[in-house]
C-alpha atoms as a PDB file:
ATOM      1  CA  UNK A   1      16.215  -8.488 -11.634  1.00  0.00           C
ATOM      2  CA  UNK A   2      13.598  -7.256  -9.718  1.00  0.00           C
ATOM      3  CA  UNK A   3      10.214  -8.541  -7.402  1.00  0.00           C
ATOM      4  CA  UNK A   4       7.073  -7.149  -7.846  1.00  0.00           C
ATOM      5  CA  UNK A   5       6.163  -8.262  -4.171  1.00  0.00           C
ATOM      6  CA  UNK A   6       8.287  -5.226  -3.420  1.00  0.00           C
ATOM      7  CA  UNK A   7       6.918  -1.988  -3.948  1.00  0.00           C
ATOM      8  CA  UNK A   8       8.785   1.041  -3.197  1.00  0.00           C
ATOM      9  CA  UNK A   9       7.103   4.437  -2.090  1.00  0.00           C
ATOM     10  CA  UNK A  10       7.711   7.365  -3.796  1.00  0.00           C
ATOM     11  CA  UNK A  11       7.798   9.890  -0.940  1.00  0.00           C
ATOM     12  CA  UNK A  12       9.463  12.345  -2.850  1.00  0.00           C
ATOM     13  CA  UNK A  13       7.892  15.949  -2.979  1.00  0.00           C
ATOM     14  CA  UNK A  14       7.305  16.209  -6.817  1.00  0.00           C
ATOM     15  CA  UNK A  15       7.238  14.438 -10.219  1.00  0.00           C
ATOM     16  CA  UNK A  16      11.184  15.227 -11.122  1.00  0.00           C
ATOM     17  CA  UNK A  17      12.877  14.003  -8.107  1.00  0.00           C
ATOM     18  CA  UNK A  18      10.095  11.025  -8.387  1.00  0.00           C
ATOM     19  CA  UNK A  19      11.679  10.405 -11.782  1.00  0.00           C
ATOM     20  CA  UNK A  20      14.924  10.648 -10.901  1.00  0.00           C
ATOM     21  CA  UNK A  21      14.309   7.898  -7.781  1.00  0.00           C
ATOM     22  CA  UNK A  22      12.779   5.759 -10.375  1.00  0.00           C
ATOM     23  CA  UNK A  23      16.004   6.503 -12.540  1.00  0.00           C
ATOM     24  CA  UNK A  24      18.243   5.627 -10.051  1.00  0.00           C
ATOM     25  CA  UNK A  25      16.184   2.268  -9.133  1.00  0.00           C
ATOM     26  CA  UNK A  26      16.531   1.265 -12.602  1.00  0.00           C
ATOM     27  CA  UNK A  27      15.379  -2.845 -13.149  1.00  0.00           C
ATOM     28  CA  UNK A  28      15.956  -3.306  -9.424  1.00  0.00           C
ATOM     29  CA  UNK A  29      12.146  -2.033  -9.035  1.00  0.00           C
ATOM     30  CA  UNK A  30       9.594  -3.192 -10.826  1.00  0.00           C
ATOM     31  CA  UNK A  31       6.859  -1.972  -8.726  1.00  0.00           C
ATOM     32  CA  UNK A  32       5.817   1.814  -7.212  1.00  0.00           C
ATOM     33  CA  UNK A  33       3.862   3.456  -4.673  1.00  0.00           C
ATOM     34  CA  UNK A  34       2.744   7.175  -5.134  1.00  0.00           C
ATOM     35  CA  UNK A  35       0.996   8.718  -2.003  1.00  0.00           C
ATOM     36  CA  UNK A  36      -1.076  11.824  -1.341  1.00  0.00           C
ATOM     37  CA  UNK A  37       1.850  13.824  -0.597  1.00  0.00           C
ATOM     38  CA  UNK A  38       2.900  13.747  -4.131  1.00  0.00           C
ATOM     39  CA  UNK A  39      -0.515  14.649  -5.199  1.00  0.00           C
ATOM     40  CA  UNK A  40       0.105  18.167  -6.135  1.00  0.00           C
ATOM     41  CA  UNK A  41       3.341  17.721  -7.166  1.00  0.00           C
ATOM     42  CA  UNK A  42       2.034  15.939 -10.812  1.00  0.00           C
ATOM     43  CA  UNK A  43       1.598  12.471  -8.746  1.00  0.00           C
ATOM     44  CA  UNK A  44      -1.078  11.639 -11.706  1.00  0.00           C
ATOM     45  CA  UNK A  45       2.007  12.433 -13.859  1.00  0.00           C
ATOM     46  CA  UNK A  46       4.178  10.458 -12.341  1.00  0.00           C
ATOM     47  CA  UNK A  47       1.526   7.401 -12.126  1.00  0.00           C
ATOM     48  CA  UNK A  48       1.036   8.124 -15.874  1.00  0.00           C
ATOM     49  CA  UNK A  49       4.649   8.069 -16.980  1.00  0.00           C
ATOM     50  CA  UNK A  50       5.872   5.063 -15.358  1.00  0.00           C
ATOM     51  CA  UNK A  51       3.342   2.976 -16.145  1.00  0.00           C
ATOM     52  CA  UNK A  52       2.787   4.053 -20.294  1.00  0.00           C
ATOM     53  CA  UNK A  53       6.462   4.726 -20.534  1.00  0.00           C
ATOM     54  CA  UNK A  54       8.187   2.866 -18.433  1.00  0.00           C
ATOM     55  CA  UNK A  55       6.050  -0.541 -17.947  1.00  0.00           C
ATOM     56  CA  UNK A  56       6.140  -0.320 -14.555  1.00  0.00           C
ATOM     57  CA  UNK A  57       3.315  -1.055 -12.012  1.00  0.00           C
ATOM     58  CA  UNK A  58       1.713   1.516  -9.877  1.00  0.00           C
ATOM     59  CA  UNK A  59       0.075   1.733  -6.706  1.00  0.00           C
ATOM     60  CA  UNK A  60      -2.120   5.229  -5.969  1.00  0.00           C
ATOM     61  CA  UNK A  61      -2.156   5.548  -2.534  1.00  0.00           C
ATOM     62  CA  UNK A  62      -4.996   7.976  -1.709  1.00  0.00           C
ATOM     63  CA  UNK A  63      -6.986   6.336   1.244  1.00  0.00           C
ATOM     64  CA  UNK A  64     -10.158   7.746  -0.346  1.00  0.00           C
ATOM     65  CA  UNK A  65     -13.092   8.325   1.815  1.00  0.00           C
ATOM     66  CA  UNK A  66     -16.328  10.084   1.399  1.00  0.00           C
ATOM     67  CA  UNK A  67     -19.961   9.905   0.616  1.00  0.00           C
ATOM     68  CA  UNK A  68     -20.453   6.656  -1.761  1.00  0.00           C
ATOM     69  CA  UNK A  69     -21.023   9.167  -5.010  1.00  0.00           C
ATOM     70  CA  UNK A  70     -17.746  10.895  -4.794  1.00  0.00           C
ATOM     71  CA  UNK A  71     -16.111   7.929  -4.321  1.00  0.00           C
ATOM     72  CA  UNK A  72     -17.427   6.481  -6.882  1.00  0.00           C
ATOM     73  CA  UNK A  73     -16.978   9.509  -9.454  1.00  0.00           C
ATOM     74  CA  UNK A  74     -13.619   9.343  -8.008  1.00  0.00           C
ATOM     75  CA  UNK A  75     -12.338   5.674  -8.311  1.00  0.00           C
ATOM     76  CA  UNK A  76     -14.102   6.630 -11.878  1.00  0.00           C
ATOM     77  CA  UNK A  77     -11.754   9.144 -12.891  1.00  0.00           C
ATOM     78  CA  UNK A  78      -8.122   7.586 -11.629  1.00  0.00           C
ATOM     79  CA  UNK A  79      -9.491   4.033 -13.368  1.00  0.00           C
ATOM     80  CA  UNK A  80      -9.116   5.619 -16.975  1.00  0.00           C
ATOM     81  CA  UNK A  81      -5.047   5.552 -16.180  1.00  0.00           C
ATOM     82  CA  UNK A  82      -5.148   1.956 -15.757  1.00  0.00           C
ATOM     83  CA  UNK A  83      -3.068   1.701 -12.457  1.00  0.00           C
ATOM     84  CA  UNK A  84      -2.881  -1.672 -10.358  1.00  0.00           C
ATOM     85  CA  UNK A  85      -3.426  -0.722  -7.101  1.00  0.00           C
ATOM     86  CA  UNK A  86      -5.493   1.997  -5.300  1.00  0.00           C
ATOM     87  CA  UNK A  87      -6.364   2.553  -1.595  1.00  0.00           C
ATOM     88  CA  UNK A  88      -9.555   3.842   0.026  1.00  0.00           C
ATOM     89  CA  UNK A  89     -11.051   3.583   3.524  1.00  0.00           C
ATOM     90  CA  UNK A  90     -11.808   0.936   4.633  1.00  0.00           C
ATOM     91  CA  UNK A  91     -15.740   1.212   5.682  1.00  0.00           C
ATOM     92  CA  UNK A  92     -17.830  -0.965   3.750  1.00  0.00           C
ATOM     93  CA  UNK A  93     -20.371   1.910   2.445  1.00  0.00           C
ATOM     94  CA  UNK A  94     -16.810   3.331   0.803  1.00  0.00           C
ATOM     95  CA  UNK A  95     -15.781  -0.453  -0.457  1.00  0.00           C
ATOM     96  CA  UNK A  96     -18.927  -0.420  -2.126  1.00  0.00           C
ATOM     97  CA  UNK A  97     -18.808   2.897  -3.488  1.00  0.00           C
ATOM     98  CA  UNK A  98     -15.189   2.070  -5.223  1.00  0.00           C
ATOM     99  CA  UNK A  99     -15.956  -0.932  -6.307  1.00  0.00           C
ATOM    100  CA  UNK A 100     -18.821   0.375  -8.216  1.00  0.00           C
ATOM    101  CA  UNK A 101     -16.398   2.908  -9.665  1.00  0.00           C
ATOM    102  CA  UNK A 102     -13.603   0.778 -10.961  1.00  0.00           C
ATOM    103  CA  UNK A 103     -16.314  -1.471 -12.929  1.00  0.00           C
ATOM    104  CA  UNK A 104     -14.640  -3.006 -16.316  1.00  0.00           C
ATOM    105  CA  UNK A 105     -11.331  -2.319 -15.016  1.00  0.00           C
ATOM    106  CA  UNK A 106      -8.904  -4.476 -13.620  1.00  0.00           C
ATOM    107  CA  UNK A 107      -7.634  -1.380 -10.818  1.00  0.00           C
ATOM    108  CA  UNK A 108      -7.350  -3.240  -7.280  1.00  0.00           C
ATOM    109  CA  UNK A 109      -9.155  -1.559  -4.590  1.00  0.00           C
ATOM    110  CA  UNK A 110      -7.547  -2.124  -1.313  1.00  0.00           C
ATOM    111  CA  UNK A 111      -8.677  -1.191   2.050  1.00  0.00           C
ATOM    112  CA  UNK A 112      -7.297   0.461   4.826  1.00  0.00           C
ATOM    113  CA  UNK A 113      -7.533  -0.929   8.401  1.00  0.00           C
ATOM    114  CA  UNK A 114      -5.573   0.620  10.708  1.00  0.00           C
ATOM    115  CA  UNK A 115      -3.142   3.016   9.658  1.00  0.00           C
ATOM    116  CA  UNK A 116       0.227   1.523  10.419  1.00  0.00           C
ATOM    117  CA  UNK A 117       1.343   4.979  12.233  1.00  0.00           C
ATOM    118  CA  UNK A 118      -1.031   4.620  15.120  1.00  0.00           C
ATOM    119  CA  UNK A 119      -1.386   2.731  18.265  1.00  0.00           C
ATOM    120  CA  UNK A 120      -4.110   1.915  21.010  1.00  0.00           C
ATOM    121  CA  UNK A 121      -3.330   5.974  22.410  1.00  0.00           C
ATOM    122  CA  UNK A 122      -4.185   7.385  18.882  1.00  0.00           C
ATOM    123  CA  UNK A 123      -7.396   5.308  18.881  1.00  0.00           C
ATOM    124  CA  UNK A 124      -8.688   6.483  22.503  1.00  0.00           C
ATOM    125  CA  UNK A 125      -7.742   9.994  21.229  1.00  0.00           C
ATOM    126  CA  UNK A 126      -9.082   9.890  17.924  1.00  0.00           C
ATOM    127  CA  UNK A 127     -12.423   7.961  20.164  1.00  0.00           C
ATOM    128  CA  UNK A 128     -12.237   4.719  18.475  1.00  0.00           C
ATOM    129  CA  UNK A 129     -13.801   1.621  20.294  1.00  0.00           C
ATOM    130  CA  UNK A 130     -11.816  -0.072  23.282  1.00  0.00           C
ATOM    131  CA  UNK A 131     -10.300  -3.090  22.400  1.00  0.00           C
ATOM    132  CA  UNK A 132      -6.930  -4.693  21.398  1.00  0.00           C
ATOM    133  CA  UNK A 133      -5.812  -2.825  18.034  1.00  0.00           C
ATOM    134  CA  UNK A 134      -5.227  -6.185  16.314  1.00  0.00           C
ATOM    135  CA  UNK A 135      -8.683  -7.159  17.002  1.00  0.00           C
ATOM    136  CA  UNK A 136      -9.913  -3.798  15.184  1.00  0.00           C
ATOM    137  CA  UNK A 137      -7.642  -4.344  12.212  1.00  0.00           C
ATOM    138  CA  UNK A 138      -9.179  -7.572  11.723  1.00  0.00           C
ATOM    139  CA  UNK A 139     -12.754  -6.711  12.132  1.00  0.00           C
ATOM    140  CA  UNK A 140     -12.214  -4.019   9.989  1.00  0.00           C
ATOM    141  CA  UNK A 141     -10.557  -6.417   7.279  1.00  0.00           C
ATOM    142  CA  UNK A 142     -13.043  -8.794   7.494  1.00  0.00           C
ATOM    143  CA  UNK A 143     -16.157  -6.206   6.777  1.00  0.00           C
ATOM    144  CA  UNK A 144     -13.793  -4.708   3.883  1.00  0.00           C
ATOM    145  CA  UNK A 145     -13.537  -8.183   2.452  1.00  0.00           C
ATOM    146  CA  UNK A 146     -16.859  -8.884   2.953  1.00  0.00           C
ATOM    147  CA  UNK A 147     -18.366  -5.736   1.285  1.00  0.00           C
ATOM    148  CA  UNK A 148     -15.857  -6.812  -2.476  1.00  0.00           C
ATOM    149  CA  UNK A 149     -12.592  -5.064  -1.106  1.00  0.00           C
ATOM    150  CA  UNK A 150      -9.661  -6.627  -3.302  1.00  0.00           C
ATOM    151  CA  UNK A 151      -7.305  -6.548  -0.512  1.00  0.00           C
ATOM    152  CA  UNK A 152      -6.379  -4.602   2.536  1.00  0.00           C
ATOM    153  CA  UNK A 153      -3.394  -2.386   3.943  1.00  0.00           C
ATOM    154  CA  UNK A 154      -2.713  -3.958   7.092  1.00  0.00           C
ATOM    155  CA  UNK A 155       0.698  -3.902   9.294  1.00  0.00           C
ATOM    156  CA  UNK A 156       2.345  -6.963   9.059  1.00  0.00           C
ATOM    157  CA  UNK A 157       1.729  -7.673  12.680  1.00  0.00           C
ATOM    158  CA  UNK A 158      -1.865  -8.156  11.643  1.00  0.00           C
ATOM    159  CA  UNK A 159      -0.951 -10.514   8.217  1.00  0.00           C
ATOM    160  CA  UNK A 160      -0.855 -13.582   9.515  1.00  0.00           C
ATOM    161  CA  UNK A 161      -4.316 -13.262  11.599  1.00  0.00           C
ATOM    162  CA  UNK A 162      -6.170 -11.165   8.445  1.00  0.00           C
ATOM    163  CA  UNK A 163      -4.532 -14.202   5.773  1.00  0.00           C
ATOM    164  CA  UNK A 164      -6.481 -16.827   8.248  1.00  0.00           C
ATOM    165  CA  UNK A 165     -10.302 -15.260   7.317  1.00  0.00           C
ATOM    166  CA  UNK A 166     -12.209 -16.961   5.581  1.00  0.00           C
ATOM    167  CA  UNK A 167     -12.991 -13.668   3.623  1.00  0.00           C
ATOM    168  CA  UNK A 168      -9.075 -13.154   2.244  1.00  0.00           C
ATOM    169  CA  UNK A 169      -9.153 -16.437   0.219  1.00  0.00           C
ATOM    170  CA  UNK A 170      -8.071 -14.888  -2.666  1.00  0.00           C
ATOM    171  CA  UNK A 171      -7.169 -11.561  -1.618  1.00  0.00           C
ATOM    172  CA  UNK A 172      -4.192  -9.992  -1.526  1.00  0.00           C
ATOM    173  CA  UNK A 173      -2.481  -7.992   1.795  1.00  0.00           C
ATOM    174  CA  UNK A 174       0.075  -5.517   1.340  1.00  0.00           C
ATOM    175  CA  UNK A 175       1.728  -4.054   4.498  1.00  0.00           C
ATOM    176  CA  UNK A 176       3.582  -0.485   4.693  1.00  0.00           C
ATOM    177  CA  UNK A 177       5.358  -0.674   7.966  1.00  0.00           C
ATOM    178  CA  UNK A 178       7.717  -2.661   6.891  1.00  0.00           C
ATOM    179  CA  UNK A 179      11.728  -2.618   7.889  1.00  0.00           C
ATOM    180  CA  UNK A 180      15.189  -4.386   6.801  1.00  0.00           C
ATOM    181  CA  UNK A 181      16.395  -5.665   9.979  1.00  0.00           C
ATOM    182  CA  UNK A 182      18.825  -2.522  11.689  1.00  0.00           C
ATOM    183  CA  UNK A 183      16.851  -0.004   9.776  1.00  0.00           C
ATOM    184  CA  UNK A 184      15.308   2.854  12.266  1.00  0.00           C
ATOM    185  CA  UNK A 185      11.314   2.477  12.217  1.00  0.00           C
ATOM    186  CA  UNK A 186      10.764   6.318  11.801  1.00  0.00           C
ATOM    187  CA  UNK A 187       7.337   7.510  12.404  1.00  0.00           C
ATOM    188  CA  UNK A 188       6.123   3.388  12.326  1.00  0.00           C
ATOM    189  CA  UNK A 189       4.985   1.908  15.163  1.00  0.00           C
ATOM    190  CA  UNK A 190       3.757  -1.912  13.703  1.00  0.00           C
ATOM    191  CA  UNK A 191       6.780  -2.916  11.839  1.00  0.00           C
ATOM    192  CA  UNK A 192       8.424  -5.773  10.665  1.00  0.00           C
ATOM    193  CA  UNK A 193      11.646  -7.190   8.182  1.00  0.00           C
ATOM    194  CA  UNK A 194      10.540  -7.912   4.736  1.00  0.00           C
ATOM    195  CA  UNK A 195      10.642 -11.970   4.935  1.00  0.00           C
ATOM    196  CA  UNK A 196       8.942 -11.729   8.169  1.00  0.00           C
ATOM    197  CA  UNK A 197       6.223  -9.634   5.857  1.00  0.00           C
ATOM    198  CA  UNK A 198       5.783 -12.114   3.012  1.00  0.00           C
ATOM    199  CA  UNK A 199       5.833 -15.121   5.567  1.00  0.00           C
ATOM    200  CA  UNK A 200       2.959 -14.198   7.696  1.00  0.00           C
ATOM    201  CA  UNK A 201       0.798 -13.335   4.514  1.00  0.00           C
ATOM    202  CA  UNK A 202       1.192 -10.132   2.597  1.00  0.00           C
ATOM    203  CA  UNK A 203       1.211 -10.477  -0.972  1.00  0.00           C
ATOM    204  CA  UNK A 204       3.579  -7.178  -1.296  1.00  0.00           C
ATOM    205  CA  UNK A 205       5.499  -4.970   0.949  1.00  0.00           C
ATOM    206  CA  UNK A 206       5.743  -1.149   1.139  1.00  0.00           C
ATOM    207  CA  UNK A 207       9.249   0.226   1.774  1.00  0.00           C
ATOM    208  CA  UNK A 208      10.142   3.909   1.414  1.00  0.00           C
ATOM    209  CA  UNK A 209      12.592   5.945   3.462  1.00  0.00           C
ATOM    210  CA  UNK A 210      15.315   2.430   3.905  1.00  0.00           C
ATOM    211  CA  UNK A 211      15.814   2.741   0.349  1.00  0.00           C
ATOM    212  CA  UNK A 212      15.113   6.201  -1.167  1.00  0.00           C
ATOM    213  CA  UNK A 213      17.336   7.652   1.752  1.00  0.00           C
ATOM    214  CA  UNK A 214      20.398   5.404   0.986  1.00  0.00           C
ATOM    215  CA  UNK A 215      23.002   6.262  -0.167  1.00  0.00           C
ATOM    216  CA  UNK A 216      22.580   3.629  -3.288  1.00  0.00           C
ATOM    217  CA  UNK A 217      18.381   3.331  -3.288  1.00  0.00           C
ATOM    218  CA  UNK A 218      18.984   0.344  -6.237  1.00  0.00           C
ATOM    219  CA  UNK A 219      21.529  -1.571  -3.714  1.00  0.00           C
ATOM    220  CA  UNK A 220      19.216  -0.940  -1.150  1.00  0.00           C
ATOM    221  CA  UNK A 221      16.270  -2.308  -2.846  1.00  0.00           C
ATOM    222  CA  UNK A 222      18.141  -5.393  -4.463  1.00  0.00           C
ATOM    223  CA  UNK A 223      19.131  -6.450  -0.425  1.00  0.00           C
ATOM    224  CA  UNK A 224      15.490  -6.548   0.097  1.00  0.00           C
ATOM    225  CA  UNK A 225      14.408  -8.582  -3.172  1.00  0.00           C
ATOM    226  CA  UNK A 226      17.715 -10.980  -2.281  1.00  0.00           C
ATOM    227  CA  UNK A 227      16.155 -11.198   1.354  1.00  0.00           C
ATOM    228  CA  UNK A 228      12.818 -12.258  -0.758  1.00  0.00           C
ATOM    229  CA  UNK A 229      14.059 -14.403  -2.588  1.00  0.00           C
ATOM    230  CA  UNK A 230      14.343 -17.609  -0.332  1.00  0.00           C
ATOM    231  CA  UNK A 231      10.379 -16.888   0.773  1.00  0.00           C
END
């Protein structure tokens, strides 16, 4: 039994390995994320295979950022694949362009607030304004939602605050940086367990390495699904 609140990140090098992992996961997983690292390894082909041939839901994590006309054109092209979620950077002008590009399609545009791999020291190095990282994330989320985003990507540590925003009513919150209890944090710096993330207001959680690096990926996925069953 799967639960589409769990999105498994197919962070493998190419479509062959992606299909192999999906086969190993079988009916334990119904929703997959395909990221930028897979793009040159057949990412679009994999997305189409999973969606059209296997009936899975697909989240394309491209984090698009460019001038409005380019974002609009890119999203219009991606929307023809009938995928479920697509990420863009949460700058309002980017969000508005993406919404124009997907016009008439069911594709959900998710805005990236602050990457979950970043902390305050990283923001300082990038010349991002001073202040608490959670406050900056909250402000970016509010602005992206006001611009028309269907939801936001944010760390589970900000999910509850974002869910409380008036602008977040009826919107999606998708949280990467989720690690089952006892799993290594890896390069994520703002993490939470699956149950905590959902309890704090996330609609979906994204889990990668703790599943696909497991000796039995399907069993690892089912453990998370079982954890979510009580929420």
